[in-house]
Amino acid sequence: MSVKELIWLFKGVMGENAYQQYLDHHASTHSSEAPMTERQFWRDKTDRQDANPEGRCC
């Protein structure tokens, strides 16, 4: 496994690439609407996790 693949895997496990995944999904399904900014995305993600905490360990 290359270093680039390890970095990609680590970012996936840590959730760092969630915004890029959101952008990719948004572009393919909601192309007529503007996507959330990265700041808005992380705020929304945090708010949803706080509202539904059973999916987290802590």
C-alpha atoms as a PDB file:
ATOM      1  CA  MET A   1       0.000   0.000   0.000  1.00  0.00           C
ATOM      2  CA  SER A   2       1.404   3.371  -0.967  1.00  0.00           C
ATOM      3  CA  VAL A   3       1.714   6.374   1.333  1.00  0.00           C
ATOM      4  CA  LYS A   4      -0.976   8.180  -0.663  1.00  0.00           C
ATOM      5  CA  GLU A   5      -3.381   5.264  -0.123  1.00  0.00           C
ATOM      6  CA  LEU A   6      -2.603   5.182   3.606  1.00  0.00           C
ATOM      7  CA  ILE A   7      -3.292   8.895   3.918  1.00  0.00           C
ATOM      8  CA  TRP A   8      -6.584   8.476   2.032  1.00  0.00           C
ATOM      9  CA  LEU A   9      -7.557   5.577   4.326  1.00  0.00           C
ATOM     10  CA  PHE A  10      -6.621   7.478   7.493  1.00  0.00           C
ATOM     11  CA  LYS A  11      -8.608  10.535   6.425  1.00  0.00           C
ATOM     12  CA  GLY A  12     -11.594   8.310   5.678  1.00  0.00           C
ATOM     13  CA  VAL A  13     -11.462   6.671   9.095  1.00  0.00           C
ATOM     14  CA  MET A  14     -11.076  10.022  10.843  1.00  0.00           C
ATOM     15  CA  GLY A  15     -13.852  11.645   8.804  1.00  0.00           C
ATOM     16  CA  GLU A  16     -11.622  14.318   7.309  1.00  0.00           C
ATOM     17  CA  ASN A  17     -12.844  13.646   3.803  1.00  0.00           C
ATOM     18  CA  ALA A  18     -16.547  13.995   4.726  1.00  0.00           C
ATOM     19  CA  TYR A  19     -16.802  17.463   3.196  1.00  0.00           C
ATOM     20  CA  GLN A  20     -15.297  16.300  -0.095  1.00  0.00           C
ATOM     21  CA  GLN A  21     -17.711  13.356  -0.143  1.00  0.00           C
ATOM     22  CA  TYR A  22     -20.560  15.793   0.479  1.00  0.00           C
ATOM     23  CA  LEU A  23     -19.397  17.984  -2.429  1.00  0.00           C
ATOM     24  CA  ASP A  24     -19.147  14.975  -4.742  1.00  0.00           C
ATOM     25  CA  HIS A  25     -22.631  13.794  -3.771  1.00  0.00           C
ATOM     26  CA  HIS A  26     -24.080  17.294  -4.026  1.00  0.00           C
ATOM     27  CA  ALA A  27     -22.638  17.805  -7.504  1.00  0.00           C
ATOM     28  CA  SER A  28     -24.200  14.582  -8.749  1.00  0.00           C
ATOM     29  CA  THR A  29     -27.645  15.004  -7.160  1.00  0.00           C
ATOM     30  CA  HIS A  30     -28.283  18.689  -6.424  1.00  0.00           C
ATOM     31  CA  SER A  31     -26.354  20.467  -9.149  1.00  0.00           C
ATOM     32  CA  SER A  32     -28.831  23.356  -9.438  1.00  0.00           C
ATOM     33  CA  GLU A  33     -28.337  24.403  -5.800  1.00  0.00           C
ATOM     34  CA  ALA A  34     -25.202  25.900  -4.281  1.00  0.00           C
ATOM     35  CA  PRO A  35     -23.465  23.552  -1.816  1.00  0.00           C
ATOM     36  CA  MET A  36     -22.902  24.480   1.803  1.00  0.00           C
ATOM     37  CA  THR A  37     -19.584  26.080   2.620  1.00  0.00           C
ATOM     38  CA  GLU A  38     -17.151  23.897   4.524  1.00  0.00           C
ATOM     39  CA  ARG A  39     -17.920  25.819   7.717  1.00  0.00           C
ATOM     40  CA  GLN A  40     -21.676  25.364   7.221  1.00  0.00           C
ATOM     41  CA  PHE A  41     -21.172  21.659   6.479  1.00  0.00           C
ATOM     42  CA  TRP A  42     -19.238  20.956   9.685  1.00  0.00           C
ATOM     43  CA  ARG A  43     -21.711  23.021  11.765  1.00  0.00           C
ATOM     44  CA  ASP A  44     -24.624  21.058  10.279  1.00  0.00           C
ATOM     45  CA  LYS A  45     -22.844  17.729  10.837  1.00  0.00           C
ATOM     46  CA  THR A  46     -22.090  18.608  14.462  1.00  0.00           C
ATOM     47  CA  ASP A  47     -25.660  19.794  15.079  1.00  0.00           C
ATOM     48  CA  ARG A  48     -27.073  16.548  13.634  1.00  0.00           C
ATOM     49  CA  GLN A  49     -24.714  14.468  15.810  1.00  0.00           C
ATOM     50  CA  ASP A  50     -25.720  16.439  18.905  1.00  0.00           C
ATOM     51  CA  ALA A  51     -29.393  15.934  18.114  1.00  0.00           C
ATOM     52  CA  ASN A  52     -28.905  12.205  17.582  1.00  0.00           C
ATOM     53  CA  PRO A  53     -26.055  11.091  19.898  1.00  0.00           C
ATOM     54  CA  GLU A  54     -26.698   7.324  19.864  1.00  0.00           C
ATOM     55  CA  GLY A  55     -24.403   6.922  16.866  1.00  0.00           C
ATOM     56  CA  ARG A  56     -21.336   8.032  18.843  1.00  0.00           C
ATOM     57  CA  CYS A  57     -19.380   6.322  21.569  1.00  0.00           C
ATOM     58  CA  CYS A  58     -18.880   9.406  23.775  1.00  0.00           C
END
